[in-house]
PDB file of N, CA and C in Angstrom:
ATOM      1  N   MET A   1     224.640 -57.514 115.159  1.00  0.00           N
ATOM      2  CA  MET A   1     225.616 -58.528 114.804  1.00  0.00           C
ATOM      3  C   MET A   1     227.044 -58.160 115.226  1.00  0.00           C
ATOM      4  N   PRO A   2     227.443 -56.869 115.183  1.00  0.00           N
ATOM      5  CA  PRO A   2     228.804 -56.554 115.617  1.00  0.00           C
ATOM      6  C   PRO A   2     229.089 -56.968 117.060  1.00  0.00           C
ATOM      7  N   THR A   3     228.103 -56.842 117.968  1.00  0.00           N
ATOM      8  CA  THR A   3     228.295 -57.244 119.355  1.00  0.00           C
ATOM      9  C   THR A   3     228.521 -58.746 119.444  1.00  0.00           C
ATOM     10  N   PHE A   4     227.723 -59.523 118.700  1.00  0.00           N
ATOM     11  CA  PHE A   4     227.895 -60.975 118.689  1.00  0.00           C
ATOM     12  C   PHE A   4     229.297 -61.339 118.217  1.00  0.00           C
ATOM     13  N   LEU A   5     229.732 -60.710 117.141  1.00  0.00           N
ATOM     14  CA  LEU A   5     231.051 -61.023 116.595  1.00  0.00           C
ATOM     15  C   LEU A   5     232.165 -60.649 117.570  1.00  0.00           C
ATOM     16  N   ARG A   6     232.064 -59.485 118.221  1.00  0.00           N
ATOM     17  CA  ARG A   6     233.063 -59.088 119.220  1.00  0.00           C
ATOM     18  C   ARG A   6     233.119 -60.096 120.360  1.00  0.00           C
ATOM     19  N   ASN A   7     231.943 -60.483 120.868  1.00  0.00           N
ATOM     20  CA  ASN A   7     231.900 -61.454 121.966  1.00  0.00           C
ATOM     21  C   ASN A   7     232.449 -62.807 121.522  1.00  0.00           C
ATOM     22  N   TYR A   8     232.103 -63.218 120.299  1.00  0.00           N
ATOM     23  CA  TYR A   8     232.577 -64.500 119.766  1.00  0.00           C
ATOM     24  C   TYR A   8     234.106 -64.498 119.680  1.00  0.00           C
ATOM     25  N   LEU A   9     234.658 -63.424 119.131  1.00  0.00           N
ATOM     26  CA  LEU A   9     236.113 -63.348 118.989  1.00  0.00           C
ATOM     27  C   LEU A   9     236.807 -63.286 120.350  1.00  0.00           C
ATOM     28  N   ALA A  10     236.186 -62.651 121.329  1.00  0.00           N
ATOM     29  CA  ALA A  10     236.767 -62.598 122.670  1.00  0.00           C
ATOM     30  C   ALA A  10     236.823 -63.978 123.304  1.00  0.00           C
ATOM     31  N   ARG A  11     235.837 -64.817 123.007  1.00  0.00           N
ATOM     32  CA  ARG A  11     235.776 -66.159 123.601  1.00  0.00           C
ATOM     33  C   ARG A  11     236.585 -67.193 122.805  1.00  0.00           C
ATOM     34  N   HIS A  12     237.083 -66.807 121.643  1.00  0.00           N
ATOM     35  CA  HIS A  12     237.813 -67.740 120.777  1.00  0.00           C
ATOM     36  C   HIS A  12     239.122 -67.101 120.310  1.00  0.00           C
ATOM     37  N   GLN A  13     239.961 -66.689 121.265  1.00  0.00           N
ATOM     38  CA  GLN A  13     241.207 -66.008 120.941  1.00  0.00           C
ATOM     39  C   GLN A  13     242.338 -66.970 120.580  1.00  0.00           C
ATOM     40  N   HIS A  14     242.334 -68.135 121.187  1.00  0.00           N
ATOM     41  CA  HIS A  14     243.402 -69.104 120.926  1.00  0.00           C
ATOM     42  C   HIS A  14     243.245 -69.643 119.505  1.00  0.00           C
ATOM     43  N   PRO A  15     244.321 -69.673 118.713  1.00  0.00           N
ATOM     44  CA  PRO A  15     244.197 -70.111 117.320  1.00  0.00           C
ATOM     45  C   PRO A  15     243.697 -71.552 117.170  1.00  0.00           C
ATOM     46  N   VAL A  16     244.053 -72.426 118.091  1.00  0.00           N
ATOM     47  CA  VAL A  16     243.569 -73.814 118.003  1.00  0.00           C
ATOM     48  C   VAL A  16     242.070 -73.867 118.287  1.00  0.00           C
ATOM     49  N   ASN A  17     241.607 -73.115 119.264  1.00  0.00           N
ATOM     50  CA  ASN A  17     240.173 -73.062 119.562  1.00  0.00           C
ATOM     51  C   ASN A  17     239.410 -72.544 118.346  1.00  0.00           C
ATOM     52  N   LEU A  18     239.900 -71.474 117.750  1.00  0.00           N
ATOM     53  CA  LEU A  18     239.240 -70.907 116.577  1.00  0.00           C
ATOM     54  C   LEU A  18     239.215 -71.913 115.428  1.00  0.00           C
ATOM     55  N   ALA A  19     240.329 -72.596 115.198  1.00  0.00           N
ATOM     56  CA  ALA A  19     240.388 -73.600 114.125  1.00  0.00           C
ATOM     57  C   ALA A  19     239.425 -74.757 114.391  1.00  0.00           C
ATOM     58  N   LEU A  20     239.359 -75.210 115.645  1.00  0.00           N
ATOM     59  CA  LEU A  20     238.441 -76.304 115.970  1.00  0.00           C
ATOM     60  C   LEU A  20     236.983 -75.878 115.790  1.00  0.00           C
ATOM     61  N   HIS A  21     236.683 -74.616 116.032  1.00  0.00           N
ATOM     62  CA  HIS A  21     235.324 -74.126 115.803  1.00  0.00           C
ATOM     63  C   HIS A  21     235.024 -73.985 114.316  1.00  0.00           C
ATOM     64  N   ILE A  22     236.007 -73.526 113.551  1.00  0.00           N
ATOM     65  CA  ILE A  22     235.806 -73.418 112.095  1.00  0.00           C
ATOM     66  C   ILE A  22     235.517 -74.786 111.504  1.00  0.00           C
ATOM     67  N   LEU A  23     236.159 -75.819 112.014  1.00  0.00           N
ATOM     68  CA  LEU A  23     235.896 -77.187 111.566  1.00  0.00           C
ATOM     69  C   LEU A  23     234.642 -77.762 112.223  1.00  0.00           C
ATOM     70  N   GLY A  24     234.517 -77.553 113.527  1.00  0.00           N
ATOM     71  CA  GLY A  24     233.451 -78.198 114.287  1.00  0.00           C
ATOM     72  C   GLY A  24     232.050 -77.682 114.006  1.00  0.00           C
ATOM     73  N   LEU A  25     231.892 -76.397 113.737  1.00  0.00           N
ATOM     74  CA  LEU A  25     230.548 -75.857 113.496  1.00  0.00           C
ATOM     75  C   LEU A  25     229.856 -76.485 112.288  1.00  0.00           C
ATOM     76  N   PRO A  26     230.513 -76.567 111.125  1.00  0.00           N
ATOM     77  CA  PRO A  26     229.842 -77.238 110.002  1.00  0.00           C
ATOM     78  C   PRO A  26     229.601 -78.729 110.240  1.00  0.00           C
ATOM     79  N   VAL A  27     230.551 -79.371 110.941  1.00  0.00           N
ATOM     80  CA  VAL A  27     230.379 -80.791 111.247  1.00  0.00           C
ATOM     81  C   VAL A  27     229.182 -80.987 112.173  1.00  0.00           C
ATOM     82  N   THR A  28     228.944 -80.018 113.061  1.00  0.00           N
ATOM     83  CA  THR A  28     227.842 -80.108 114.014  1.00  0.00           C
ATOM     84  C   THR A  28     226.494 -79.806 113.377  1.00  0.00           C
ATOM     85  N   PHE A  29     226.441 -78.799 112.517  1.00  0.00           N
ATOM     86  CA  PHE A  29     225.144 -78.313 112.063  1.00  0.00           C
ATOM     87  C   PHE A  29     224.843 -78.518 110.578  1.00  0.00           C
ATOM     88  N   VAL A  30     225.842 -78.548 109.708  1.00  0.00           N
ATOM     89  CA  VAL A  30     225.592 -78.696 108.269  1.00  0.00           C
ATOM     90  C   VAL A  30     225.655 -80.162 107.851  1.00  0.00           C
ATOM     91  N   LEU A  31     226.716 -80.832 108.237  1.00  0.00           N
ATOM     92  CA  LEU A  31     226.893 -82.234 107.839  1.00  0.00           C
ATOM     93  C   LEU A  31     225.750 -83.142 108.298  1.00  0.00           C
ATOM     94  N   PRO A  32     225.257 -83.022 109.529  1.00  0.00           N
ATOM     95  CA  PRO A  32     224.136 -83.886 109.927  1.00  0.00           C
ATOM     96  C   PRO A  32     222.887 -83.708 109.052  1.00  0.00           C
ATOM     97  N   VAL A  33     222.610 -82.474 108.645  1.00  0.00           N
ATOM     98  CA  VAL A  33     221.440 -82.245 107.779  1.00  0.00           C
ATOM     99  C   VAL A  33     221.638 -82.960 106.440  1.00  0.00           C
ATOM    100  N   ALA A  34     222.835 -82.831 105.877  1.00  0.00           N
ATOM    101  CA  ALA A  34     223.124 -83.515 104.617  1.00  0.00           C
ATOM    102  C   ALA A  34     223.021 -85.030 104.782  1.00  0.00           C
ATOM    103  N   LEU A  35     223.566 -85.547 105.867  1.00  0.00           N
ATOM    104  CA  LEU A  35     223.514 -86.991 106.098  1.00  0.00           C
ATOM    105  C   LEU A  35     222.083 -87.481 106.309  1.00  0.00           C
ATOM    106  N   LEU A  36     221.264 -86.686 106.975  1.00  0.00           N
ATOM    107  CA  LEU A  36     219.849 -87.063 107.132  1.00  0.00           C
ATOM    108  C   LEU A  36     219.144 -87.096 105.785  1.00  0.00           C
ATOM    109  N   CYS A  37     219.479 -86.141 104.926  1.00  0.00           N
ATOM    110  CA  CYS A  37     218.883 -86.124 103.580  1.00  0.00           C
ATOM    111  C   CYS A  37     219.291 -87.353 102.781  1.00  0.00           C
ATOM    112  N   TRP A  38     220.459 -87.875 103.038  1.00  0.00           N
ATOM    113  CA  TRP A  38     220.944 -89.067 102.355  1.00  0.00           C
ATOM    114  C   TRP A  38     220.516 -90.357 103.051  1.00  0.00           C
ATOM    115  N   GLY A  39     219.697 -90.229 104.088  1.00  0.00           N
ATOM    116  CA  GLY A  39     219.191 -91.413 104.772  1.00  0.00           C
ATOM    117  C   GLY A  39     220.196 -92.079 105.694  1.00  0.00           C
ATOM    118  N   ARG A  40     221.079 -91.318 106.265  1.00  0.00           N
ATOM    119  CA  ARG A  40     222.113 -91.848 107.169  1.00  0.00           C
ATOM    120  C   ARG A  40     221.959 -91.256 108.561  1.00  0.00           C
ATOM    121  N   PRO A  41     220.919 -91.634 109.314  1.00  0.00           N
ATOM    122  CA  PRO A  41     220.678 -90.996 110.617  1.00  0.00           C
ATOM    123  C   PRO A  41     221.776 -91.258 111.647  1.00  0.00           C
ATOM    124  N   TRP A  42     222.356 -92.439 111.662  1.00  0.00           N
ATOM    125  CA  TRP A  42     223.389 -92.731 112.654  1.00  0.00           C
ATOM    126  C   TRP A  42     224.664 -91.954 112.357  1.00  0.00           C
ATOM    127  N   TRP A  43     224.974 -91.800 111.066  1.00  0.00           N
ATOM    128  CA  TRP A  43     226.130 -90.986 110.688  1.00  0.00           C
ATOM    129  C   TRP A  43     225.877 -89.521 111.042  1.00  0.00           C
ATOM    130  N   ALA A  44     224.628 -89.072 110.874  1.00  0.00           N
ATOM    131  CA  ALA A  44     224.272 -87.697 111.231  1.00  0.00           C
ATOM    132  C   ALA A  44     224.469 -87.472 112.730  1.00  0.00           C
ATOM    133  N   LEU A  45     224.032 -88.415 113.533  1.00  0.00           N
ATOM    134  CA  LEU A  45     224.207 -88.303 114.981  1.00  0.00           C
ATOM    135  C   LEU A  45     225.692 -88.297 115.350  1.00  0.00           C
ATOM    136  N   LEU A  46     226.462 -89.164 114.710  1.00  0.00           N
ATOM    137  CA  LEU A  46     227.902 -89.214 114.967  1.00  0.00           C
ATOM    138  C   LEU A  46     228.567 -87.884 114.589  1.00  0.00           C
ATOM    139  N   ALA A  47     228.196 -87.316 113.446  1.00  0.00           N
ATOM    140  CA  ALA A  47     228.767 -86.031 113.025  1.00  0.00           C
ATOM    141  C   ALA A  47     228.429 -84.947 114.040  1.00  0.00           C
ATOM    142  N   PHE A  48     227.181 -84.923 114.515  1.00  0.00           N
ATOM    143  CA  PHE A  48     226.760 -83.937 115.497  1.00  0.00           C
ATOM    144  C   PHE A  48     227.600 -84.047 116.770  1.00  0.00           C
ATOM    145  N   VAL A  49     227.781 -85.253 117.271  1.00  0.00           N
ATOM    146  CA  VAL A  49     228.542 -85.482 118.505  1.00  0.00           C
ATOM    147  C   VAL A  49     230.020 -85.123 118.309  1.00  0.00           C
ATOM    148  N   VAL A  50     230.601 -85.538 117.193  1.00  0.00           N
ATOM    149  CA  VAL A  50     232.014 -85.234 116.922  1.00  0.00           C
ATOM    150  C   VAL A  50     232.220 -83.729 116.773  1.00  0.00           C
ATOM    151  N   GLY A  51     231.305 -83.059 116.076  1.00  0.00           N
ATOM    152  CA  GLY A  51     231.410 -81.611 115.919  1.00  0.00           C
ATOM    153  C   GLY A  51     231.364 -80.887 117.247  1.00  0.00           C
ATOM    154  N   TYR A  52     230.431 -81.296 118.106  1.00  0.00           N
ATOM    155  CA  TYR A  52     230.352 -80.682 119.435  1.00  0.00           C
ATOM    156  C   TYR A  52     231.605 -80.991 120.249  1.00  0.00           C
ATOM    157  N   ALA A  53     232.118 -82.198 120.151  1.00  0.00           N
ATOM    158  CA  ALA A  53     233.327 -82.571 120.893  1.00  0.00           C
ATOM    159  C   ALA A  53     234.510 -81.704 120.461  1.00  0.00           C
ATOM    160  N   LEU A  54     234.619 -81.417 119.167  1.00  0.00           N
ATOM    161  CA  LEU A  54     235.693 -80.552 118.688  1.00  0.00           C
ATOM    162  C   LEU A  54     235.595 -79.156 119.307  1.00  0.00           C
ATOM    163  N   GLN A  55     234.372 -78.647 119.396  1.00  0.00           N
ATOM    164  CA  GLN A  55     234.182 -77.312 119.966  1.00  0.00           C
ATOM    165  C   GLN A  55     234.473 -77.298 121.470  1.00  0.00           C
ATOM    166  N   PHE A  56     234.030 -78.324 122.187  1.00  0.00           N
ATOM    167  CA  PHE A  56     234.321 -78.396 123.618  1.00  0.00           C
ATOM    168  C   PHE A  56     235.824 -78.544 123.854  1.00  0.00           C
ATOM    169  N   LEU A  57     236.500 -79.307 123.001  1.00  0.00           N
ATOM    170  CA  LEU A  57     237.951 -79.435 123.094  1.00  0.00           C
ATOM    171  C   LEU A  57     238.610 -78.075 122.886  1.00  0.00           C
ATOM    172  N   GLY A  58     238.114 -77.315 121.938  1.00  0.00           N
ATOM    173  CA  GLY A  58     238.648 -75.975 121.703  1.00  0.00           C
ATOM    174  C   GLY A  58     238.525 -75.090 122.925  1.00  0.00           C
ATOM    175  N   HIS A  59     237.375 -75.148 123.603  1.00  0.00           N
ATOM    176  CA  HIS A  59     237.198 -74.336 124.807  1.00  0.00           C
ATOM    177  C   HIS A  59     238.085 -74.825 125.942  1.00  0.00           C
ATOM    178  N   ALA A  60     238.333 -76.124 126.007  1.00  0.00           N
ATOM    179  CA  ALA A  60     239.252 -76.646 127.021  1.00  0.00           C
ATOM    180  C   ALA A  60     240.665 -76.122 126.769  1.00  0.00           C
ATOM    181  N   ILE A  61     241.060 -76.069 125.502  1.00  0.00           N
ATOM    182  CA  ILE A  61     242.373 -75.531 125.156  1.00  0.00           C
ATOM    183  C   ILE A  61     242.430 -74.039 125.466  1.00  0.00           C
ATOM    184  N   GLU A  62     241.350 -73.322 125.161  1.00  0.00           N
ATOM    185  CA  GLU A  62     241.267 -71.880 125.431  1.00  0.00           C
ATOM    186  C   GLU A  62     241.309 -71.598 126.930  1.00  0.00           C
ATOM    187  N   GLY A  63     240.716 -72.498 127.724  1.00  0.00           N
ATOM    188  CA  GLY A  63     240.677 -72.307 129.171  1.00  0.00           C
ATOM    189  C   GLY A  63     239.391 -71.675 129.665  1.00  0.00           C
ATOM    190  N   ASN A  64     238.367 -71.625 128.804  1.00  0.00           N
ATOM    191  CA  ASN A  64     237.080 -71.077 129.239  1.00  0.00           C
ATOM    192  C   ASN A  64     235.983 -72.123 129.043  1.00  0.00           C
ATOM    193  N   ASP A  65     234.818 -71.833 129.598  1.00  0.00           N
ATOM    194  CA  ASP A  65     233.695 -72.753 129.475  1.00  0.00           C
ATOM    195  C   ASP A  65     232.986 -72.553 128.137  1.00  0.00           C
ATOM    196  N   ALA A  66     232.480 -73.644 127.590  1.00  0.00           N
ATOM    197  CA  ALA A  66     231.662 -73.564 126.375  1.00  0.00           C
ATOM    198  C   ALA A  66     230.341 -72.875 126.712  1.00  0.00           C
ATOM    199  N   GLY A  67     229.713 -72.298 125.701  1.00  0.00           N
ATOM    200  CA  GLY A  67     228.479 -71.555 125.912  1.00  0.00           C
ATOM    201  C   GLY A  67     227.401 -72.356 126.601  1.00  0.00           C
ATOM    202  N   GLU A  68     227.230 -73.607 126.228  1.00  0.00           N
ATOM    203  CA  GLU A  68     226.219 -74.450 126.849  1.00  0.00           C
ATOM    204  C   GLU A  68     226.547 -74.713 128.315  1.00  0.00           C
ATOM    205  N   ALA A  69     227.830 -74.892 128.602  1.00  0.00           N
ATOM    206  CA  ALA A  69     228.247 -75.112 129.996  1.00  0.00           C
ATOM    207  C   ALA A  69     227.992 -73.855 130.830  1.00  0.00           C
ATOM    208  N   ILE A  70     228.244 -72.688 130.239  1.00  0.00           N
ATOM    209  CA  ILE A  70     227.976 -71.430 130.940  1.00  0.00           C
ATOM    210  C   ILE A  70     226.494 -71.316 131.272  1.00  0.00           C
ATOM    211  N   LEU A  71     225.651 -71.633 130.307  1.00  0.00           N
ATOM    212  CA  LEU A  71     224.206 -71.555 130.517  1.00  0.00           C
ATOM    213  C   LEU A  71     223.766 -72.449 131.682  1.00  0.00           C
ATOM    214  N   VAL A  72     224.231 -73.683 131.696  1.00  0.00           N
ATOM    215  CA  VAL A  72     223.872 -74.621 132.772  1.00  0.00           C
ATOM    216  C   VAL A  72     224.418 -74.137 134.109  1.00  0.00           C
ATOM    217  N   LYS A  73     225.662 -73.668 134.117  1.00  0.00           N
ATOM    218  CA  LYS A  73     226.253 -73.180 135.365  1.00  0.00           C
ATOM    219  C   LYS A  73     225.504 -71.957 135.891  1.00  0.00           C
ATOM    220  N   LYS A  74     225.071 -71.072 134.986  1.00  0.00           N
ATOM    221  CA  LYS A  74     224.270 -69.918 135.418  1.00  0.00           C
ATOM    222  C   LYS A  74     222.979 -70.388 136.078  1.00  0.00           C
ATOM    223  N   TRP A  75     222.301 -71.346 135.446  1.00  0.00           N
ATOM    224  CA  TRP A  75     221.047 -71.871 136.001  1.00  0.00           C
ATOM    225  C   TRP A  75     221.263 -72.452 137.392  1.00  0.00           C
ATOM    226  N   LEU A  76     222.413 -73.103 137.577  1.00  0.00           N
ATOM    227  CA  LEU A  76     222.707 -73.743 138.861  1.00  0.00           C
ATOM    228  C   LEU A  76     223.374 -72.802 139.855  1.00  0.00           C
ATOM    229  N   GLY A  77     223.654 -71.575 139.438  1.00  0.00           N
ATOM    230  CA  GLY A  77     224.309 -70.617 140.319  1.00  0.00           C
ATOM    231  C   GLY A  77     225.772 -70.934 140.562  1.00  0.00           C
ATOM    232  N   LYS A  78     226.389 -71.638 139.649  1.00  0.00           N
ATOM    233  CA  LYS A  78     227.791 -72.035 139.791  1.00  0.00           C
ATOM    234  C   LYS A  78     228.699 -71.029 139.090  1.00  0.00           C
ATOM    235  N   PRO A  79     229.961 -70.953 139.489  1.00  0.00           N
ATOM    236  CA  PRO A  79     230.907 -70.060 138.814  1.00  0.00           C
ATOM    237  C   PRO A  79     231.273 -70.580 137.425  1.00  0.00           C
ATOM    238  N   TYR A  80     231.598 -69.663 136.534  1.00  0.00           N
ATOM    239  CA  TYR A  80     231.994 -70.047 135.181  1.00  0.00           C
ATOM    240  C   TYR A  80     233.030 -69.062 134.658  1.00  0.00           C
ATOM    241  N   VAL A  81     233.732 -69.472 133.614  1.00  0.00           N
ATOM    242  CA  VAL A  81     234.730 -68.620 132.967  1.00  0.00           C
ATOM    243  C   VAL A  81     234.244 -68.368 131.545  1.00  0.00           C
ATOM    244  N   ALA A  82     233.918 -67.105 131.249  1.00  0.00           N
ATOM    245  CA  ALA A  82     233.424 -66.763 129.917  1.00  0.00           C
ATOM    246  C   ALA A  82     234.571 -66.421 128.971  1.00  0.00           C
ATOM    247  N   VAL A  83     235.517 -65.612 129.432  1.00  0.00           N
ATOM    248  CA  VAL A  83     236.626 -65.161 128.590  1.00  0.00           C
ATOM    249  C   VAL A  83     237.909 -65.252 129.383  1.00  0.00           C
ATOM    250  N   VAL A  84     238.947 -65.763 128.749  1.00  0.00           N
ATOM    251  CA  VAL A  84     240.270 -65.832 129.358  1.00  0.00           C
ATOM    252  C   VAL A  84     241.134 -64.786 128.661  1.00  0.00           C
ATOM    253  N   PRO A  85     241.539 -63.733 129.387  1.00  0.00           N
ATOM    254  CA  PRO A  85     242.394 -62.725 128.742  1.00  0.00           C
ATOM    255  C   PRO A  85     243.765 -63.313 128.426  1.00  0.00           C
ATOM    256  N   ARG A  86     244.279 -62.967 127.293  1.00  0.00           N
ATOM    257  CA  ARG A  86     245.608 -63.419 126.870  1.00  0.00           C
ATOM    258  C   ARG A  86     246.645 -62.447 127.398  1.00  0.00           C
ATOM    259  N   SER A  87     247.746 -62.963 127.912  1.00  0.00           N
ATOM    260  CA  SER A  87     248.800 -62.094 128.438  1.00  0.00           C
ATOM    261  C   SER A  87     249.428 -61.296 127.299  1.00  0.00           C
ATOM    262  N   GLY A  88     249.617 -60.019 127.567  1.00  0.00           N
ATOM    263  CA  GLY A  88     250.244 -59.162 126.565  1.00  0.00           C
ATOM    264  C   GLY A  88     249.338 -58.754 125.430  1.00  0.00           C
ATOM    265  N   SER A  89     248.057 -59.090 125.513  1.00  0.00           N
ATOM    266  CA  SER A  89     247.142 -58.702 124.440  1.00  0.00           C
ATOM    267  C   SER A  89     245.991 -57.914 125.026  1.00  0.00           C
ATOM    268  N   LYS A  90     245.446 -57.075 124.204  1.00  0.00           N
ATOM    269  CA  LYS A  90     244.298 -56.275 124.595  1.00  0.00           C
ATOM    270  C   LYS A  90     243.047 -57.100 124.350  1.00  0.00           C
ATOM    271  N   PRO A  91     242.111 -57.183 125.300  1.00  0.00           N
ATOM    272  CA  PRO A  91     240.913 -57.973 125.084  1.00  0.00           C
ATOM    273  C   PRO A  91     240.116 -57.452 123.890  1.00  0.00           C
ATOM    274  N   VAL A  92     239.503 -58.375 123.163  1.00  0.00           N
ATOM    275  CA  VAL A  92     238.720 -58.030 121.993  1.00  0.00           C
ATOM    276  C   VAL A  92     237.430 -57.363 122.406  1.00  0.00           C
ATOM    277  N   ALA A  93     236.857 -57.789 123.505  1.00  0.00           N
ATOM    278  CA  ALA A  93     235.591 -57.240 123.985  1.00  0.00           C
ATOM    279  C   ALA A  93     235.667 -57.089 125.498  1.00  0.00           C
ATOM    280  N   PRO A  94     234.750 -56.334 126.075  1.00  0.00           N
ATOM    281  CA  PRO A  94     234.726 -56.238 127.546  1.00  0.00           C
ATOM    282  C   PRO A  94     234.596 -57.620 128.164  1.00  0.00           C
ATOM    283  N   LEU A  95     235.355 -57.853 129.218  1.00  0.00           N
ATOM    284  CA  LEU A  95     235.350 -59.163 129.865  1.00  0.00           C
ATOM    285  C   LEU A  95     234.185 -59.275 130.830  1.00  0.00           C
ATOM    286  N   ARG A  96     233.539 -60.407 130.818  1.00  0.00           N
ATOM    287  CA  ARG A  96     232.493 -60.704 131.797  1.00  0.00           C
ATOM    288  C   ARG A  96     232.777 -62.107 132.308  1.00  0.00           C
ATOM    289  N   THR A  97     233.614 -62.203 133.287  1.00  0.00           N
ATOM    290  CA  THR A  97     234.002 -63.491 133.853  1.00  0.00           C
ATOM    291  C   THR A  97     233.560 -63.558 135.296  1.00  0.00           C
ATOM    292  N   GLU A  98     232.870 -64.618 135.630  1.00  0.00           N
ATOM    293  CA  GLU A  98     232.440 -64.832 137.013  1.00  0.00           C
ATOM    294  C   GLU A  98     233.086 -66.099 137.505  1.00  0.00           C
ATOM    295  N   ARG A  99     233.530 -66.073 138.720  1.00  0.00           N
ATOM    296  CA  ARG A  99     234.149 -67.269 139.321  1.00  0.00           C
ATOM    297  C   ARG A  99     233.475 -67.585 140.610  1.00  0.00           C
TER     298      ARG A  99
END
């Protein structure tokens, strides 16, 4: 788990990206389950989409690709940005960026 956390923090250094993930993750994965239990499938789908959109917006602000985008780009042999180093800061984890 420490490796996962180090990598996660390296990919979410920008405070807005981190905040959007703190909000977006529960909206993506917890809220839809609750809404399905309450018999609201369309609201569950909307929550899932909005939660994912918040996370993708966070990565756009950060300047790196979202994990799902990285996976697809790897499959297609395309370049991707995993971590964007911040100027004047020491990276949280070893950088693995391919372009």
